[in-house]
Amino acid sequence: MARMRTKRNIPQRMDKCHERWFDAPMLNRGKWREACGFDKDVPVWLEIGCGKGKFCTEMALRHPEVLYIAMERDASVTLAAIEKAHELEIPNLFFIRGDAGIIENYFEENEIDRMFLNFSDPWTRQNKPKRRLTYRDFLAKYKVMMKQGGAIEFKTDNDDLFDFSLVEFEEMGFALTDVTRDLHNSEWNEQNIRTEFEQKFADQGIPIKRVVAQM
C-alpha cells in the first residue's frame, strides 16, 4: 500500500477532534477507564498499529460494551483514523499517537482484556526480528499489561512472520487457538473485519493468516 502523504494542518485538525485522543496518554496509565469516562468493570481492548482506522471503527461499533483504544505512530495516519471516529461519533473509541516500543509506559499491569495486532511490519528487509511486535520481548510486556484469560488476535499476510510468531507465542506460554492460514476461506471469516491492508492483499489473492494467542 502506498505511503500516505503527510497531511496539512495536523495540529489544527487534531484539535477539532480533541475528545478522541490525549496530549499526554502516559498520564492515563492504570486509569484509562476513568480517563475515558467508563465504569471500572468495562473491558479494555487495545489495537497496536490501527492504520487509517477501518478495523478499529468497525470493532468499536460492533462492541459498544468495551472501551476500545487504538494506537498508531504516524501522525498523518493517526489523524485519518481519529477524523473517521470523530465523524461517526463513536463514543467508545479513543486513540494514542505513540510508539509500541514504550508501550509499558501507557498501560498498567492487568489493564488490558484483549489486544489486536493487524498486519504489523514484518521487518524482513532490515532483518531485525527483534523489532517485530510479536517478538518475545514485546510479548513479555503484553503479558504484564493483560489480564489473565486475555488474548491477542494476530493477522498477517506474511508467511515468515506468521511462522515466527507462532513459535514466539508458544515460547512465551500462550495457548494458540483459531489458527488458520486462509482466514477468508475459514469458519472465522463471517465475523472477520478486514483492514485496509487486508483488503489489498485479498485483492491480490494472498491468503491471510490468523491466530488467537490466549493467556
Protein backbone atom coordinates (compact mmCIF):
# COMPACT_ATOMS: atom_id res chain seq x y z
CA MET A 1 0.00 0.00 0.00
CA ALA A 2 1.39 3.39 -0.97
CA ARG A 3 2.81 5.58 1.77
CA MET A 4 0.30 8.19 2.91
CA ARG A 5 1.19 11.77 2.10
CA THR A 6 1.81 14.00 5.10
CA LYS A 7 -1.44 15.79 5.86
CA ARG A 8 -1.62 19.54 6.21
CA ASN A 9 -2.64 21.40 9.35
CA ILE A 10 -2.32 18.33 11.55
CA PRO A 11 -2.32 20.20 14.91
CA GLN A 12 -5.40 22.22 13.99
CA ARG A 13 -7.29 19.19 12.69
CA MET A 14 -6.31 17.12 15.72
CA ASP A 15 -7.59 19.89 17.97
CA LYS A 16 -11.02 19.67 16.34
CA CYS A 17 -11.16 16.02 17.42
CA HIS A 18 -9.64 16.65 20.86
CA GLU A 19 -12.16 14.42 22.66
CA ARG A 20 -10.78 11.36 20.81
CA TRP A 21 -7.16 11.49 21.96
CA PHE A 22 -4.91 12.66 24.79
CA ASP A 23 -1.93 15.05 24.76
CA ALA A 24 -0.20 13.01 27.46
CA PRO A 25 -1.52 9.42 27.29
CA MET A 26 1.10 8.27 29.81
CA LEU A 27 -0.90 10.06 32.49
CA ASN A 28 -3.74 7.61 31.87
CA ARG A 29 -1.60 4.62 32.82
CA GLY A 30 -3.67 2.48 35.18
CA LYS A 31 -6.79 4.61 34.80
CA TRP A 32 -7.91 4.50 31.18
CA ARG A 33 -11.49 3.70 32.08
CA GLU A 34 -11.72 6.71 34.35
CA ALA A 35 -9.99 9.00 31.85
CA CYS A 36 -12.42 7.99 29.10
CA GLY A 37 -15.49 8.20 31.32
CA PHE A 38 -16.22 4.48 31.64
CA ASP A 39 -17.13 2.19 34.52
CA LYS A 40 -14.25 0.36 36.20
CA ASP A 41 -15.55 -3.03 35.05
CA VAL A 42 -15.73 -2.20 31.32
CA PRO A 43 -13.36 -4.39 29.23
CA VAL A 44 -10.47 -2.54 27.58
CA TRP A 45 -9.39 -3.64 24.09
CA LEU A 46 -6.18 -2.34 22.53
CA GLU A 47 -5.14 -2.30 18.87
CA ILE A 48 -1.49 -1.60 18.12
CA GLY A 49 -0.99 -0.16 14.65
CA CYS A 50 -4.53 0.85 13.74
CA GLY A 51 -3.65 2.40 10.38
CA LYS A 52 -6.35 4.64 8.95
CA GLY A 53 -8.93 3.21 11.32
CA LYS A 54 -11.18 0.88 9.34
CA PHE A 55 -10.77 -2.04 11.74
CA CYS A 56 -10.98 -0.09 14.99
CA THR A 57 -14.05 1.91 13.98
CA GLU A 58 -15.95 -1.20 12.93
CA MET A 59 -14.87 -3.13 16.02
CA ALA A 60 -15.87 -0.30 18.36
CA LEU A 61 -19.25 -0.01 16.66
CA ARG A 62 -19.77 -3.75 16.83
CA HIS A 63 -18.82 -3.88 20.52
CA PRO A 64 -20.25 -0.81 22.30
CA GLU A 65 -19.81 -2.65 25.61
CA VAL A 66 -15.99 -2.25 25.51
CA LEU A 67 -13.56 0.66 25.72
CA TYR A 68 -11.50 0.43 22.53
CA ILE A 69 -8.10 2.13 22.38
CA ALA A 70 -6.30 2.33 19.03
CA MET A 71 -2.60 3.11 18.81
CA GLU A 72 -0.66 4.41 15.82
CA ARG A 73 2.77 6.03 15.46
CA ASP A 74 2.48 8.03 12.22
CA ALA A 75 0.83 11.44 12.67
CA SER A 76 -0.93 11.57 9.29
CA VAL A 77 -2.25 8.02 9.62
CA THR A 78 -3.40 8.67 13.18
CA LEU A 79 -5.24 11.78 12.05
CA ALA A 80 -7.11 9.85 9.36
CA ALA A 81 -8.32 7.33 11.95
CA ILE A 82 -9.25 9.99 14.51
CA GLU A 83 -11.20 12.05 11.99
CA LYS A 84 -13.11 8.95 10.91
CA ALA A 85 -14.07 8.14 14.52
CA HIS A 86 -14.99 11.78 15.14
CA GLU A 87 -17.21 11.91 12.06
CA LEU A 88 -19.02 8.70 13.10
CA GLU A 89 -19.33 9.93 16.71
CA ILE A 90 -18.20 6.60 18.20
CA PRO A 91 -18.36 7.05 21.99
CA ASN A 92 -16.15 4.10 22.99
CA LEU A 93 -13.18 4.66 20.67
CA PHE A 94 -10.07 6.62 21.71
CA PHE A 95 -6.57 6.99 20.27
CA ILE A 96 -2.93 7.08 21.27
CA ARG A 97 -0.32 8.52 18.97
CA GLY A 98 2.73 6.69 20.23
CA ASP A 99 5.39 4.04 19.78
CA ALA A 100 4.77 0.42 20.77
CA GLY A 101 8.40 0.24 21.86
CA ILE A 102 7.47 2.07 25.06
CA ILE A 103 4.01 0.58 25.47
CA GLU A 104 4.67 -0.26 29.11
CA ASN A 105 4.57 3.49 29.79
CA TYR A 106 0.97 3.70 28.62
CA PHE A 107 -0.67 0.76 30.43
CA GLU A 108 -0.58 -0.64 33.93
CA GLU A 109 -0.49 -4.30 34.95
CA ASN A 110 -3.70 -6.23 34.19
CA GLU A 111 -5.29 -3.26 32.43
CA ILE A 112 -5.97 -4.80 29.00
CA ASP A 113 -8.52 -7.53 28.28
CA ARG A 114 -7.80 -8.10 24.58
CA MET A 115 -5.25 -6.99 22.01
CA PHE A 116 -5.21 -6.81 18.23
CA LEU A 117 -2.10 -6.88 16.02
CA ASN A 118 -3.12 -6.48 12.40
CA PHE A 119 -0.55 -6.61 9.58
CA SER A 120 2.36 -5.42 11.68
CA ASP A 121 5.62 -4.59 9.93
CA PRO A 122 7.38 -7.96 9.27
CA TRP A 123 10.82 -6.30 9.35
CA THR A 124 12.13 -8.59 6.63
CA ARG A 125 14.28 -6.22 4.56
CA GLN A 126 16.10 -4.88 7.59
CA ASN A 127 16.44 -8.39 9.04
CA LYS A 128 15.59 -7.10 12.50
CA PRO A 129 13.26 -9.70 14.05
CA LYS A 130 13.60 -8.09 17.48
CA ARG A 131 11.55 -5.17 16.16
CA ARG A 132 8.61 -7.40 15.29
CA LEU A 133 5.61 -6.76 17.53
CA THR A 134 5.34 -10.50 18.14
CA TYR A 135 8.95 -10.85 19.28
CA ARG A 136 9.22 -12.33 22.77
CA ASP A 137 10.36 -9.08 24.39
CA PHE A 138 7.16 -7.39 23.22
CA LEU A 139 5.09 -10.40 24.26
CA ALA A 140 6.59 -10.20 27.75
CA LYS A 141 5.37 -6.62 28.01
CA TYR A 142 1.90 -7.57 26.75
CA LYS A 143 1.63 -10.33 29.35
CA VAL A 144 2.16 -7.81 32.13
CA MET A 145 -0.45 -5.44 30.71
CA MET A 146 -3.06 -8.12 30.03
CA LYS A 147 -5.48 -9.74 32.43
CA GLN A 148 -5.30 -13.47 32.98
CA GLY A 149 -7.51 -15.10 30.37
CA GLY A 150 -6.95 -12.26 27.92
CA ALA A 151 -5.97 -12.87 24.32
CA ILE A 152 -4.07 -11.43 21.39
CA GLU A 153 -5.60 -11.65 17.92
CA PHE A 154 -2.91 -11.56 15.25
CA LYS A 155 -3.37 -11.29 11.47
CA THR A 156 -0.76 -11.08 8.72
CA ASP A 157 -0.21 -11.76 5.04
CA ASN A 158 3.43 -12.69 5.63
CA ASP A 159 4.21 -16.43 5.91
CA ASP A 160 7.60 -15.97 7.56
CA LEU A 161 6.20 -13.55 10.15
CA PHE A 162 3.32 -15.91 10.89
CA ASP A 163 5.61 -18.90 11.43
CA PHE A 164 7.93 -16.78 13.56
CA SER A 165 5.01 -15.51 15.64
CA LEU A 166 3.57 -18.96 16.32
CA VAL A 167 6.91 -20.01 17.80
CA GLU A 168 7.24 -16.83 19.85
CA PHE A 169 3.71 -17.12 21.25
CA GLU A 170 4.26 -20.71 22.34
CA GLU A 171 7.71 -19.99 23.79
CA MET A 172 6.12 -17.24 25.91
CA GLY A 173 3.43 -19.55 27.25
CA PHE A 174 0.43 -18.55 25.14
CA ALA A 175 -2.11 -21.18 24.10
CA LEU A 176 -2.88 -20.98 20.38
CA THR A 177 -6.44 -21.29 19.06
CA ASP A 178 -8.31 -20.44 15.86
CA VAL A 179 -5.17 -20.97 13.78
CA THR A 180 -5.71 -20.57 10.05
CA ARG A 181 -3.53 -19.88 7.03
CA ASP A 182 -6.51 -18.89 4.88
CA LEU A 183 -8.81 -16.77 7.01
CA HIS A 184 -11.14 -15.67 4.22
CA ASN A 185 -11.98 -19.28 3.41
CA SER A 186 -12.26 -20.40 7.02
CA GLU A 187 -15.05 -20.77 9.57
CA TRP A 188 -13.95 -17.48 11.15
CA ASN A 189 -14.37 -15.33 8.06
CA GLU A 190 -18.01 -14.39 8.71
CA GLN A 191 -17.11 -12.42 11.85
CA ASN A 192 -13.84 -11.06 10.44
CA ILE A 193 -13.39 -7.33 9.85
CA ARG A 194 -10.94 -6.55 7.06
CA THR A 195 -8.34 -3.83 7.47
CA GLU A 196 -7.23 -1.61 4.58
CA PHE A 197 -4.09 -3.72 4.11
CA GLU A 198 -6.06 -6.93 4.39
CA GLN A 199 -8.39 -5.94 1.55
CA LYS A 200 -5.41 -5.03 -0.62
CA PHE A 201 -3.77 -8.40 -0.05
CA ALA A 202 -7.05 -10.25 -0.58
CA ASP A 203 -7.50 -8.49 -3.93
CA GLN A 204 -4.04 -9.80 -4.89
CA GLY A 205 -5.03 -13.34 -3.96
CA ILE A 206 -2.69 -13.53 -0.94
CA PRO A 207 -4.08 -15.80 1.82
CA ILE A 208 -4.47 -14.13 5.22
CA LYS A 209 -3.05 -15.85 8.28
CA ARG A 210 -4.64 -15.51 11.72
CA VAL A 211 -4.19 -16.87 15.23
CA VAL A 212 -5.60 -16.14 18.69
CA ALA A 213 -2.96 -16.35 21.43
CA GLN A 214 -4.60 -16.93 24.80
CA MET A 215 -3.05 -16.02 28.16
